[in-house]
N, C-alpha and C. Protein backbone atom coordinates (compact mmCIF):
# COMPACT_ATOMS: atom_id res chain seq x y z
N MET A 1 47.92 -35.71 26.24
CA MET A 1 48.75 -36.02 27.41
C MET A 1 47.86 -36.43 28.59
N SER A 2 46.89 -35.58 28.89
CA SER A 2 46.03 -35.87 30.04
C SER A 2 45.18 -37.12 29.77
N CYS A 3 44.82 -37.31 28.52
CA CYS A 3 44.03 -38.48 28.17
C CYS A 3 44.81 -39.77 28.45
N SER A 4 46.05 -39.81 27.95
CA SER A 4 46.85 -41.02 28.13
C SER A 4 47.18 -41.23 29.62
N LEU A 5 47.39 -40.13 30.33
CA LEU A 5 47.68 -40.23 31.76
C LEU A 5 46.50 -40.86 32.49
N LEU A 6 45.30 -40.39 32.13
CA LEU A 6 44.10 -40.92 32.76
C LEU A 6 43.96 -42.41 32.47
N SER A 7 44.17 -42.79 31.22
CA SER A 7 44.00 -44.19 30.87
C SER A 7 45.08 -45.04 31.56
N ASP A 8 46.28 -44.50 31.70
CA ASP A 8 47.32 -45.22 32.42
C ASP A 8 46.91 -45.47 33.87
N CYS A 9 46.37 -44.41 34.50
CA CYS A 9 45.93 -44.54 35.89
C CYS A 9 44.81 -45.56 35.99
N GLN A 10 43.86 -45.47 35.07
CA GLN A 10 42.75 -46.43 35.08
C GLN A 10 43.26 -47.85 34.90
N TYR A 11 44.22 -47.99 33.98
CA TYR A 11 44.76 -49.31 33.72
C TYR A 11 45.45 -49.87 34.96
N LEU A 12 46.27 -49.02 35.62
CA LEU A 12 46.96 -49.44 36.84
C LEU A 12 45.97 -49.84 37.92
N LEU A 13 44.94 -49.01 38.08
CA LEU A 13 43.93 -49.28 39.10
C LEU A 13 43.22 -50.60 38.79
N LEU A 14 42.83 -50.75 37.55
CA LEU A 14 42.11 -51.97 37.16
C LEU A 14 42.98 -53.21 37.35
N SER A 15 44.24 -53.11 36.94
CA SER A 15 45.11 -54.28 37.06
C SER A 15 45.36 -54.59 38.54
N HIS A 16 45.45 -53.56 39.37
CA HIS A 16 45.65 -53.78 40.80
C HIS A 16 44.44 -54.49 41.40
N VAL A 17 43.26 -53.98 41.07
CA VAL A 17 42.02 -54.60 41.57
C VAL A 17 41.94 -56.04 41.09
N ARG A 18 42.23 -56.23 39.82
CA ARG A 18 42.15 -57.57 39.25
C ARG A 18 43.12 -58.51 39.95
N ASP A 19 44.36 -58.06 40.17
CA ASP A 19 45.36 -58.91 40.82
C ASP A 19 44.95 -59.25 42.24
N SER A 20 44.44 -58.26 42.99
CA SER A 20 44.09 -58.53 44.38
C SER A 20 42.90 -59.48 44.44
N CYS A 21 41.94 -59.31 43.54
CA CYS A 21 40.80 -60.22 43.51
C CYS A 21 41.27 -61.62 43.14
N PHE A 22 42.15 -61.69 42.16
CA PHE A 22 42.66 -62.97 41.69
C PHE A 22 43.40 -63.69 42.83
N ASN A 23 44.24 -62.93 43.56
CA ASN A 23 44.99 -63.53 44.66
C ASN A 23 44.06 -64.05 45.75
N LYS A 24 43.06 -63.25 46.10
CA LYS A 24 42.09 -63.69 47.12
C LYS A 24 41.40 -64.95 46.65
N TYR A 25 40.98 -64.94 45.38
CA TYR A 25 40.27 -66.09 44.83
C TYR A 25 41.14 -67.34 44.90
N TRP A 26 42.41 -67.21 44.50
CA TRP A 26 43.27 -68.37 44.47
C TRP A 26 43.63 -68.86 45.86
N LYS A 27 43.81 -67.94 46.81
CA LYS A 27 44.06 -68.35 48.19
C LYS A 27 42.89 -69.16 48.71
N GLY A 28 41.68 -68.65 48.44
CA GLY A 28 40.48 -69.36 48.87
C GLY A 28 40.40 -70.74 48.23
N ARG A 29 40.70 -70.80 46.93
CA ARG A 29 40.65 -72.08 46.23
C ARG A 29 41.66 -73.06 46.82
N LYS A 30 42.88 -72.59 47.06
CA LYS A 30 43.92 -73.46 47.62
C LYS A 30 43.50 -74.01 48.97
N GLN A 31 42.95 -73.14 49.82
CA GLN A 31 42.51 -73.58 51.14
C GLN A 31 41.39 -74.60 51.02
N LEU A 32 40.47 -74.36 50.10
CA LEU A 32 39.37 -75.30 49.90
C LEU A 32 39.91 -76.66 49.45
N VAL A 33 40.79 -76.63 48.47
CA VAL A 33 41.36 -77.87 47.94
C VAL A 33 42.14 -78.60 49.03
N TRP A 34 42.92 -77.84 49.80
CA TRP A 34 43.72 -78.43 50.87
C TRP A 34 42.83 -79.09 51.90
N ALA A 35 41.76 -78.37 52.31
CA ALA A 35 40.83 -78.92 53.30
C ALA A 35 40.16 -80.16 52.75
N HIS A 36 39.81 -80.13 51.47
CA HIS A 36 39.14 -81.26 50.85
C HIS A 36 40.08 -82.48 50.82
N ASN A 37 41.33 -82.24 50.44
CA ASN A 37 42.31 -83.33 50.41
C ASN A 37 42.52 -83.91 51.80
N LEU A 38 42.63 -83.04 52.79
CA LEU A 38 42.84 -83.48 54.16
C LEU A 38 41.67 -84.34 54.62
N GLN A 39 40.47 -83.89 54.30
CA GLN A 39 39.27 -84.64 54.66
C GLN A 39 39.28 -86.00 53.99
N GLY A 40 39.65 -86.02 52.72
CA GLY A 40 39.68 -87.28 51.98
C GLY A 40 40.70 -88.24 52.58
N ILE A 41 41.88 -87.73 52.91
CA ILE A 41 42.93 -88.57 53.50
C ILE A 41 42.45 -89.14 54.83
N ARG A 42 41.85 -88.28 55.64
CA ARG A 42 41.37 -88.71 56.95
C ARG A 42 40.30 -89.78 56.79
N ARG A 43 39.40 -89.57 55.82
CA ARG A 43 38.31 -90.52 55.60
C ARG A 43 38.86 -91.86 55.15
N ILE A 44 39.84 -91.84 54.25
CA ILE A 44 40.45 -93.08 53.75
C ILE A 44 41.12 -93.80 54.90
N ARG A 45 41.85 -93.05 55.74
CA ARG A 45 42.56 -93.65 56.86
C ARG A 45 41.56 -94.31 57.83
N GLN A 46 40.51 -93.56 58.17
CA GLN A 46 39.48 -94.08 59.06
C GLN A 46 38.82 -95.31 58.45
N GLY A 47 38.53 -95.22 57.15
CA GLY A 47 37.88 -96.33 56.46
C GLY A 47 38.74 -97.58 56.52
N ASN A 48 40.04 -97.42 56.28
CA ASN A 48 40.93 -98.58 56.32
C ASN A 48 41.00 -99.18 57.72
N GLU A 49 41.04 -98.30 58.73
CA GLU A 49 41.13 -98.79 60.10
C GLU A 49 39.86 -99.54 60.50
N SER A 50 38.69 -98.95 60.19
CA SER A 50 37.45 -99.56 60.66
C SER A 50 37.03 -100.73 59.78
N ARG A 51 37.53 -100.77 58.55
CA ARG A 51 37.20 -101.88 57.67
C ARG A 51 37.91 -103.16 58.11
N GLY A 52 39.14 -102.99 58.55
CA GLY A 52 39.93 -104.16 58.92
C GLY A 52 40.30 -104.96 57.69
N ASP A 53 40.22 -106.27 57.79
CA ASP A 53 40.60 -107.14 56.68
C ASP A 53 39.41 -107.55 55.82
N HIS A 54 38.22 -107.08 56.18
CA HIS A 54 37.03 -107.56 55.47
C HIS A 54 36.90 -106.92 54.10
N GLY A 55 37.35 -105.66 53.97
CA GLY A 55 37.24 -104.98 52.69
C GLY A 55 35.84 -104.49 52.40
N ARG A 56 34.96 -104.50 53.38
CA ARG A 56 33.60 -103.99 53.17
C ARG A 56 33.60 -102.48 53.32
N PRO A 57 32.78 -101.76 52.56
CA PRO A 57 32.68 -100.31 52.75
C PRO A 57 32.10 -99.98 54.12
N VAL A 58 32.55 -98.86 54.65
CA VAL A 58 32.13 -98.47 56.00
C VAL A 58 30.75 -97.82 55.93
N PRO A 59 29.83 -98.17 56.81
CA PRO A 59 28.55 -97.44 56.84
C PRO A 59 28.77 -96.00 57.24
N PRO A 60 27.95 -95.08 56.73
CA PRO A 60 28.19 -93.64 56.94
C PRO A 60 28.24 -93.24 58.41
N ALA A 61 27.53 -93.92 59.28
CA ALA A 61 27.47 -93.49 60.68
C ALA A 61 28.82 -93.66 61.37
N SER A 62 29.59 -94.67 61.00
CA SER A 62 30.84 -94.94 61.71
C SER A 62 31.99 -94.12 61.16
N ARG A 63 31.69 -93.23 60.18
CA ARG A 63 32.77 -92.44 59.59
C ARG A 63 33.26 -91.36 60.55
N PHE A 64 32.39 -90.86 61.44
CA PHE A 64 32.73 -89.66 62.21
C PHE A 64 33.35 -89.99 63.55
């Protein structure tokens, strides 16, 4: 009885730790991906504006 109780508690604790770590990890990943996408969209928009009709790639200095 006490053995199974202990393992149940350990299992609950482990699963709780695992879930909280997993959630933190995924929140971080989502924020990273979101920031990356936002940066990419902004860069594309800026590139299109500064490129004009020439279609030449923008030099790195004019990106910022």
